[in-house]
Amino acid sequence: MKWFDYTALTLVIIGAVNWLLIGIFRFDLVAFLFGNMSWLSRIIYTLVGLCGLYLLSVYGRIRGISE
């Protein structure tokens, strides 16, 4: 399951970089590469969001390790 954690973390980091670009330069990298709200860009946005929600479980695992 560790591979899934790393994959999810990588996707969330890519999403964070995309939001940084949007915030600073008003440049949406995903829309630039895959089209503005095309089916592929919507899949990427959905995967990034789901991975972000999944990584909420990291807080529980960190808390469990420290106890």
C-alpha atoms as a PDB file:
ATOM      1  CA  MET A   1       0.000   0.000   0.000  1.00  0.00           C
ATOM      2  CA  LYS A   2       3.032   2.248   0.336  1.00  0.00           C
ATOM      3  CA  TRP A   3       3.217   2.653  -3.469  1.00  0.00           C
ATOM      4  CA  PHE A   4      -0.307   4.090  -3.403  1.00  0.00           C
ATOM      5  CA  ASP A   5       0.705   6.585  -0.715  1.00  0.00           C
ATOM      6  CA  TYR A   6       3.620   7.783  -2.848  1.00  0.00           C
ATOM      7  CA  THR A   7       1.461   7.955  -5.973  1.00  0.00           C
ATOM      8  CA  ALA A   8      -1.212   9.927  -4.141  1.00  0.00           C
ATOM      9  CA  LEU A   9       1.378  12.268  -2.661  1.00  0.00           C
ATOM     10  CA  THR A  10       2.925  12.847  -6.093  1.00  0.00           C
ATOM     11  CA  LEU A  11      -0.450  13.725  -7.615  1.00  0.00           C
ATOM     12  CA  VAL A  12      -1.254  16.101  -4.773  1.00  0.00           C
ATOM     13  CA  ILE A  13       2.120  17.823  -5.178  1.00  0.00           C
ATOM     14  CA  ILE A  14       1.431  18.229  -8.907  1.00  0.00           C
ATOM     15  CA  GLY A  15      -1.945  19.729  -8.000  1.00  0.00           C
ATOM     16  CA  ALA A  16      -0.310  22.085  -5.524  1.00  0.00           C
ATOM     17  CA  VAL A  17       2.169  23.265  -8.149  1.00  0.00           C
ATOM     18  CA  ASN A  18      -0.732  23.834 -10.533  1.00  0.00           C
ATOM     19  CA  TRP A  19      -2.534  25.954  -7.917  1.00  0.00           C
ATOM     20  CA  LEU A  20       0.682  27.887  -7.300  1.00  0.00           C
ATOM     21  CA  LEU A  21       0.910  28.671 -11.004  1.00  0.00           C
ATOM     22  CA  ILE A  22      -2.747  29.719 -11.055  1.00  0.00           C
ATOM     23  CA  GLY A  23      -2.290  31.945  -8.022  1.00  0.00           C
ATOM     24  CA  ILE A  24       0.889  33.688  -9.129  1.00  0.00           C
ATOM     25  CA  PHE A  25       0.691  33.725 -12.924  1.00  0.00           C
ATOM     26  CA  ARG A  26      -2.985  32.903 -13.677  1.00  0.00           C
ATOM     27  CA  PHE A  27      -1.681  29.961 -15.691  1.00  0.00           C
ATOM     28  CA  ASP A  28      -3.493  26.627 -15.446  1.00  0.00           C
ATOM     29  CA  LEU A  29      -0.949  23.988 -16.464  1.00  0.00           C
ATOM     30  CA  VAL A  30      -3.485  21.153 -16.643  1.00  0.00           C
ATOM     31  CA  ALA A  31      -5.802  23.160 -18.906  1.00  0.00           C
ATOM     32  CA  PHE A  32      -2.822  24.200 -21.023  1.00  0.00           C
ATOM     33  CA  LEU A  33      -1.645  20.608 -21.501  1.00  0.00           C
ATOM     34  CA  PHE A  34      -4.960  18.783 -21.802  1.00  0.00           C
ATOM     35  CA  GLY A  35      -7.548  21.407 -22.762  1.00  0.00           C
ATOM     36  CA  ASN A  36      -9.878  23.589 -20.759  1.00  0.00           C
ATOM     37  CA  MET A  37     -12.211  21.186 -18.938  1.00  0.00           C
ATOM     38  CA  SER A  38     -11.722  18.394 -21.475  1.00  0.00           C
ATOM     39  CA  TRP A  39     -12.551  14.896 -20.296  1.00  0.00           C
ATOM     40  CA  LEU A  40      -8.856  14.216 -19.662  1.00  0.00           C
ATOM     41  CA  SER A  41      -8.308  17.362 -17.594  1.00  0.00           C
ATOM     42  CA  ARG A  42     -11.458  16.594 -15.582  1.00  0.00           C
ATOM     43  CA  ILE A  43     -10.087  13.118 -14.838  1.00  0.00           C
ATOM     44  CA  ILE A  44      -6.802  14.649 -13.674  1.00  0.00           C
ATOM     45  CA  TYR A  45      -8.581  17.188 -11.443  1.00  0.00           C
ATOM     46  CA  THR A  46     -10.735  14.382 -10.008  1.00  0.00           C
ATOM     47  CA  LEU A  47      -7.730  12.135  -9.308  1.00  0.00           C
ATOM     48  CA  VAL A  48      -5.856  14.971  -7.593  1.00  0.00           C
ATOM     49  CA  GLY A  49      -8.895  15.735  -5.432  1.00  0.00           C
ATOM     50  CA  LEU A  50      -9.469  12.097  -4.508  1.00  0.00           C
ATOM     51  CA  CYS A  51      -5.791  11.655  -3.648  1.00  0.00           C
ATOM     52  CA  GLY A  52      -5.974  14.738  -1.448  1.00  0.00           C
ATOM     53  CA  LEU A  53      -8.916  13.260   0.415  1.00  0.00           C
ATOM     54  CA  TYR A  54      -7.128   9.930   0.719  1.00  0.00           C
ATOM     55  CA  LEU A  55      -4.078  11.640   2.211  1.00  0.00           C
ATOM     56  CA  LEU A  56      -6.251  12.867   5.075  1.00  0.00           C
ATOM     57  CA  SER A  57      -5.808   9.325   6.391  1.00  0.00           C
ATOM     58  CA  VAL A  58      -2.096  10.091   6.847  1.00  0.00           C
ATOM     59  CA  TYR A  59      -2.992  12.148   9.907  1.00  0.00           C
ATOM     60  CA  GLY A  60      -4.572   9.091  11.497  1.00  0.00           C
ATOM     61  CA  ARG A  61      -1.606   6.892  10.660  1.00  0.00           C
ATOM     62  CA  ILE A  62       0.891   9.415  12.011  1.00  0.00           C
ATOM     63  CA  ARG A  63      -1.116   9.713  15.211  1.00  0.00           C
ATOM     64  CA  GLY A  64      -1.252   5.915  15.514  1.00  0.00           C
ATOM     65  CA  ILE A  65       2.519   5.602  15.083  1.00  0.00           C
ATOM     66  CA  SER A  66       3.304   8.253  17.691  1.00  0.00           C
ATOM     67  CA  GLU A  67       1.180   6.587  20.379  1.00  0.00           C
END
